[in-house]
N, C-alpha and C. Protein backbone atom coordinates (compact mmCIF):
# COMPACT_ATOMS: atom_id res chain seq x y z
N MET A 1 -40.60 12.21 -26.55
CA MET A 1 -39.78 11.04 -26.83
C MET A 1 -40.66 9.82 -27.10
N SER A 2 -41.72 9.64 -26.33
CA SER A 2 -42.57 8.47 -26.55
C SER A 2 -43.23 8.51 -27.93
N GLN A 3 -43.50 9.74 -28.43
CA GLN A 3 -44.07 9.86 -29.77
C GLN A 3 -43.05 9.40 -30.82
N LEU A 4 -41.77 9.71 -30.59
CA LEU A 4 -40.72 9.28 -31.51
C LEU A 4 -40.58 7.76 -31.51
N LEU A 5 -40.74 7.15 -30.35
CA LEU A 5 -40.60 5.70 -30.24
C LEU A 5 -41.83 4.92 -30.71
N SER A 6 -42.87 5.62 -31.10
CA SER A 6 -44.12 4.95 -31.48
C SER A 6 -44.11 4.42 -32.92
N THR A 7 -43.10 4.79 -33.71
CA THR A 7 -43.01 4.29 -35.09
C THR A 7 -41.68 3.57 -35.30
N ALA A 8 -41.67 2.71 -36.29
CA ALA A 8 -40.44 1.97 -36.61
C ALA A 8 -39.34 2.93 -37.06
N THR A 9 -39.71 3.96 -37.82
CA THR A 9 -38.72 4.93 -38.28
C THR A 9 -38.20 5.75 -37.11
N GLY A 10 -39.07 6.11 -36.19
CA GLY A 10 -38.64 6.85 -35.00
C GLY A 10 -37.69 6.05 -34.15
N ARG A 11 -38.01 4.77 -33.97
CA ARG A 11 -37.10 3.90 -33.19
C ARG A 11 -35.75 3.78 -33.90
N LEU A 12 -35.77 3.68 -35.23
CA LEU A 12 -34.52 3.63 -35.99
C LEU A 12 -33.72 4.90 -35.78
N ARG A 13 -34.36 6.05 -35.77
CA ARG A 13 -33.66 7.32 -35.54
C ARG A 13 -32.98 7.33 -34.17
N VAL A 14 -33.70 6.87 -33.15
CA VAL A 14 -33.13 6.86 -31.79
C VAL A 14 -31.95 5.91 -31.71
N VAL A 15 -32.13 4.69 -32.21
CA VAL A 15 -31.05 3.69 -32.16
C VAL A 15 -29.85 4.18 -32.97
N SER A 16 -30.11 4.79 -34.12
CA SER A 16 -29.03 5.30 -34.95
C SER A 16 -28.22 6.37 -34.21
N ALA A 17 -28.92 7.26 -33.52
CA ALA A 17 -28.22 8.32 -32.78
C ALA A 17 -27.34 7.75 -31.68
N VAL A 18 -27.85 6.79 -30.94
CA VAL A 18 -27.08 6.20 -29.84
C VAL A 18 -25.92 5.38 -30.39
N GLU A 19 -26.18 4.62 -31.45
CA GLU A 19 -25.12 3.82 -32.08
C GLU A 19 -24.05 4.74 -32.65
N GLY A 20 -24.47 5.82 -33.28
CA GLY A 20 -23.52 6.78 -33.83
C GLY A 20 -22.65 7.42 -32.76
N LEU A 21 -23.26 7.72 -31.62
CA LEU A 21 -22.51 8.27 -30.49
C LEU A 21 -21.49 7.25 -29.99
N SER A 22 -21.90 5.99 -29.89
CA SER A 22 -20.95 4.96 -29.43
C SER A 22 -19.79 4.80 -30.40
N TYR A 23 -20.08 4.91 -31.70
CA TYR A 23 -19.03 4.80 -32.71
C TYR A 23 -18.06 5.98 -32.60
N ALA A 24 -18.60 7.17 -32.42
CA ALA A 24 -17.75 8.35 -32.26
C ALA A 24 -16.88 8.23 -31.01
N LEU A 25 -17.45 7.77 -29.91
CA LEU A 25 -16.67 7.57 -28.69
C LEU A 25 -15.56 6.55 -28.90
N LEU A 26 -15.89 5.49 -29.61
CA LEU A 26 -14.89 4.45 -29.89
C LEU A 26 -13.74 5.01 -30.73
N MET A 27 -14.08 5.71 -31.80
CA MET A 27 -13.06 6.20 -32.72
C MET A 27 -12.27 7.39 -32.18
N PHE A 28 -12.96 8.32 -31.53
CA PHE A 28 -12.33 9.59 -31.18
C PHE A 28 -11.92 9.73 -29.71
N VAL A 29 -12.31 8.76 -28.89
CA VAL A 29 -11.90 8.79 -27.47
C VAL A 29 -11.16 7.51 -27.11
N ALA A 30 -11.85 6.37 -27.23
CA ALA A 30 -11.27 5.11 -26.76
C ALA A 30 -10.02 4.70 -27.54
N MET A 31 -10.07 4.82 -28.87
CA MET A 31 -8.90 4.42 -29.66
C MET A 31 -7.70 5.32 -29.38
N PRO A 32 -7.85 6.65 -29.33
CA PRO A 32 -6.69 7.47 -28.97
C PRO A 32 -6.15 7.16 -27.57
N VAL A 33 -7.05 6.88 -26.62
CA VAL A 33 -6.59 6.53 -25.27
C VAL A 33 -5.76 5.25 -25.33
N LYS A 34 -6.20 4.30 -26.14
CA LYS A 34 -5.46 3.05 -26.27
C LYS A 34 -4.08 3.28 -26.88
N TYR A 35 -4.03 4.00 -27.98
CA TYR A 35 -2.77 4.11 -28.71
C TYR A 35 -1.86 5.25 -28.24
N VAL A 36 -2.42 6.28 -27.65
CA VAL A 36 -1.59 7.38 -27.17
C VAL A 36 -1.18 7.16 -25.72
N LEU A 37 -2.13 6.73 -24.90
CA LEU A 37 -1.84 6.56 -23.47
C LEU A 37 -1.54 5.11 -23.08
N GLY A 38 -1.77 4.19 -23.99
CA GLY A 38 -1.46 2.79 -23.72
C GLY A 38 -2.44 2.09 -22.79
N HIS A 39 -3.71 2.54 -22.79
CA HIS A 39 -4.73 1.93 -21.94
C HIS A 39 -5.85 1.36 -22.81
N PRO A 40 -5.80 0.04 -23.10
CA PRO A 40 -6.78 -0.55 -24.00
C PRO A 40 -8.13 -0.89 -23.35
N GLU A 41 -8.27 -0.69 -22.06
CA GLU A 41 -9.48 -1.11 -21.35
C GLU A 41 -10.73 -0.43 -21.89
N LEU A 42 -10.62 0.84 -22.22
CA LEU A 42 -11.77 1.60 -22.69
C LEU A 42 -12.27 1.07 -24.04
N VAL A 43 -11.36 0.63 -24.88
CA VAL A 43 -11.75 0.08 -26.18
C VAL A 43 -12.60 -1.17 -25.98
N ARG A 44 -12.23 -1.99 -25.04
CA ARG A 44 -13.00 -3.21 -24.80
C ARG A 44 -14.43 -2.88 -24.37
N ALA A 45 -14.60 -1.96 -23.44
CA ALA A 45 -15.93 -1.61 -22.94
C ALA A 45 -16.77 -0.88 -23.99
N VAL A 46 -16.19 0.15 -24.58
CA VAL A 46 -16.94 0.94 -25.58
C VAL A 46 -17.16 0.10 -26.84
N GLY A 47 -16.19 -0.71 -27.20
CA GLY A 47 -16.33 -1.57 -28.37
C GLY A 47 -17.45 -2.58 -28.22
N MET A 48 -17.58 -3.16 -27.03
CA MET A 48 -18.66 -4.12 -26.78
C MET A 48 -20.01 -3.41 -26.86
N ALA A 49 -20.12 -2.25 -26.24
CA ALA A 49 -21.37 -1.49 -26.29
C ALA A 49 -21.71 -1.12 -27.74
N HIS A 50 -20.72 -0.68 -28.48
CA HIS A 50 -20.95 -0.31 -29.87
C HIS A 50 -21.40 -1.52 -30.69
N GLY A 51 -20.80 -2.67 -30.46
CA GLY A 51 -21.20 -3.88 -31.18
C GLY A 51 -22.65 -4.25 -30.93
N VAL A 52 -23.06 -4.19 -29.69
CA VAL A 52 -24.46 -4.48 -29.34
C VAL A 52 -25.39 -3.45 -29.99
N LEU A 53 -25.00 -2.18 -29.94
CA LEU A 53 -25.82 -1.14 -30.54
C LEU A 53 -25.87 -1.25 -32.06
N PHE A 54 -24.78 -1.71 -32.69
CA PHE A 54 -24.79 -1.90 -34.14
C PHE A 54 -25.77 -3.01 -34.52
N ILE A 55 -25.82 -4.06 -33.73
CA ILE A 55 -26.80 -5.13 -33.98
C ILE A 55 -28.22 -4.58 -33.81
N ALA A 56 -28.44 -3.77 -32.78
CA ALA A 56 -29.75 -3.15 -32.57
C ALA A 56 -30.10 -2.23 -33.74
N PHE A 57 -29.12 -1.48 -34.25
CA PHE A 57 -29.35 -0.62 -35.41
C PHE A 57 -29.77 -1.45 -36.61
N THR A 58 -29.08 -2.54 -36.85
CA THR A 58 -29.39 -3.40 -38.00
C THR A 58 -30.81 -3.95 -37.88
N ALA A 59 -31.19 -4.40 -36.68
CA ALA A 59 -32.55 -4.91 -36.47
C ALA A 59 -33.58 -3.80 -36.67
N ALA A 60 -33.32 -2.62 -36.13
CA ALA A 60 -34.25 -1.50 -36.29
C ALA A 60 -34.37 -1.09 -37.75
N LEU A 61 -33.27 -1.17 -38.49
CA LEU A 61 -33.29 -0.83 -39.91
C LEU A 61 -34.16 -1.83 -40.68
N VAL A 62 -34.01 -3.10 -40.39
CA VAL A 62 -34.82 -4.12 -41.07
C VAL A 62 -36.30 -3.91 -40.76
N LEU A 63 -36.62 -3.63 -39.50
CA LEU A 63 -38.02 -3.42 -39.12
C LEU A 63 -38.60 -2.17 -39.79
N ALA A 64 -37.83 -1.09 -39.86
CA ALA A 64 -38.31 0.12 -40.52
C ALA A 64 -38.46 -0.13 -42.03
N TRP A 65 -37.54 -0.88 -42.60
CA TRP A 65 -37.60 -1.22 -44.03
C TRP A 65 -38.91 -1.95 -44.34
N ARG A 66 -39.23 -2.93 -43.52
CA ARG A 66 -40.48 -3.68 -43.71
C ARG A 66 -41.70 -2.79 -43.48
N ASP A 67 -41.66 -1.98 -42.43
CA ASP A 67 -42.79 -1.13 -42.08
C ASP A 67 -43.05 -0.08 -43.16
N ARG A 68 -42.01 0.52 -43.69
CA ARG A 68 -42.15 1.61 -44.66
C ARG A 68 -42.16 1.11 -46.11
N ALA A 69 -41.88 -0.17 -46.32
CA ALA A 69 -41.84 -0.76 -47.67
C ALA A 69 -40.89 0.02 -48.59
N TRP A 70 -39.72 0.34 -48.07
CA TRP A 70 -38.71 1.03 -48.87
C TRP A 70 -38.17 0.09 -49.93
N ASP A 71 -37.71 0.66 -51.05
CA ASP A 71 -36.97 -0.16 -51.98
C ASP A 71 -35.58 -0.43 -51.38
N THR A 72 -34.80 -1.24 -51.99
CA THR A 72 -33.52 -1.67 -51.41
C THR A 72 -32.50 -0.54 -51.28
N ALA A 73 -32.60 0.47 -52.11
CA ALA A 73 -31.58 1.53 -52.13
C ALA A 73 -31.51 2.30 -50.81
N LYS A 74 -32.64 2.62 -50.23
CA LYS A 74 -32.63 3.43 -49.00
C LYS A 74 -31.98 2.69 -47.83
N PRO A 75 -32.41 1.47 -47.50
CA PRO A 75 -31.74 0.78 -46.40
C PRO A 75 -30.27 0.49 -46.68
N ALA A 76 -29.92 0.24 -47.94
CA ALA A 76 -28.52 0.01 -48.28
C ALA A 76 -27.70 1.28 -48.02
N SER A 77 -28.26 2.41 -48.39
CA SER A 77 -27.58 3.69 -48.14
C SER A 77 -27.43 3.95 -46.64
N LEU A 78 -28.50 3.69 -45.89
CA LEU A 78 -28.44 3.91 -44.44
C LEU A 78 -27.41 2.98 -43.78
N MET A 79 -27.34 1.75 -44.24
CA MET A 79 -26.35 0.81 -43.70
C MET A 79 -24.95 1.27 -44.03
N ALA A 80 -24.75 1.76 -45.25
CA ALA A 80 -23.42 2.26 -45.63
C ALA A 80 -23.03 3.44 -44.76
N TRP A 81 -23.96 4.37 -44.51
CA TRP A 81 -23.65 5.52 -43.66
C TRP A 81 -23.34 5.09 -42.23
N SER A 82 -23.92 3.99 -41.78
CA SER A 82 -23.65 3.54 -40.41
C SER A 82 -22.22 3.06 -40.23
N LEU A 83 -21.53 2.77 -41.33
CA LEU A 83 -20.15 2.31 -41.28
C LEU A 83 -19.15 3.46 -41.27
N VAL A 84 -19.63 4.68 -41.44
CA VAL A 84 -18.77 5.86 -41.49
C VAL A 84 -18.83 6.57 -40.14
N PRO A 85 -17.69 6.89 -39.54
CA PRO A 85 -17.73 7.67 -38.30
C PRO A 85 -18.51 8.97 -38.54
N LEU A 86 -19.40 9.27 -37.64
CA LEU A 86 -20.31 10.43 -37.71
C LEU A 86 -21.34 10.31 -38.84
N GLY A 87 -21.46 9.13 -39.42
CA GLY A 87 -22.46 8.89 -40.46
C GLY A 87 -23.89 8.96 -39.93
N ALA A 88 -24.05 8.84 -38.63
CA ALA A 88 -25.39 8.94 -38.03
C ALA A 88 -26.01 10.31 -38.29
N ILE A 89 -25.18 11.32 -38.50
CA ILE A 89 -25.70 12.65 -38.82
C ILE A 89 -26.42 12.62 -40.17
N GLN A 90 -25.83 11.97 -41.14
CA GLN A 90 -26.47 11.85 -42.46
C GLN A 90 -27.70 10.94 -42.37
N ILE A 91 -27.63 9.89 -41.59
CA ILE A 91 -28.79 9.02 -41.42
C ILE A 91 -29.97 9.83 -40.87
N GLU A 92 -29.72 10.67 -39.89
CA GLU A 92 -30.77 11.50 -39.33
C GLU A 92 -31.35 12.44 -40.39
N ARG A 93 -30.51 13.02 -41.21
CA ARG A 93 -30.99 13.90 -42.29
C ARG A 93 -31.91 13.15 -43.25
N VAL A 94 -31.49 11.95 -43.63
CA VAL A 94 -32.30 11.14 -44.55
C VAL A 94 -33.63 10.77 -43.93
N LEU A 95 -33.62 10.34 -42.67
CA LEU A 95 -34.84 9.88 -42.03
C LEU A 95 -35.79 11.02 -41.66
N ARG A 96 -35.30 12.24 -41.54
CA ARG A 96 -36.15 13.38 -41.24
C ARG A 96 -36.90 13.89 -42.47
N GLN A 97 -36.47 13.49 -43.65
CA GLN A 97 -37.14 13.93 -44.88
C GLN A 97 -38.56 13.37 -44.90
N PRO A 98 -39.50 14.12 -45.46
CA PRO A 98 -40.86 13.60 -45.59
C PRO A 98 -40.86 12.30 -46.38
N ALA A 99 -41.82 11.44 -46.10
CA ALA A 99 -41.87 10.11 -46.69
C ALA A 99 -41.95 10.15 -48.21
N ASP A 100 -42.56 11.17 -48.79
CA ASP A 100 -42.70 11.22 -50.24
C ASP A 100 -41.52 11.89 -50.93
N ALA A 101 -40.54 12.36 -50.16
CA ALA A 101 -39.38 13.06 -50.76
C ALA A 101 -38.36 12.08 -51.28
């Protein structure tokens, strides 16, 4: 794990995975609990965590963009995938590709 956190891209991968998990929890657990069972408390807690993690994802993306000197298309694509539930899976696929691919 420490080896993964030693690079800007590795940190982006970790933050993306955690942010993606929070988004999935928000969409597929907290929101149904709110609307099916009538308990909005979980949305407030998970939503706040997701918001903080989304900001962390954005910061990590900018840092990786600067570190890797990507053109604009790659970070734009990664940001777009972050807006899709379970899009973190595609982000991981993109970031696992070799740098020259």
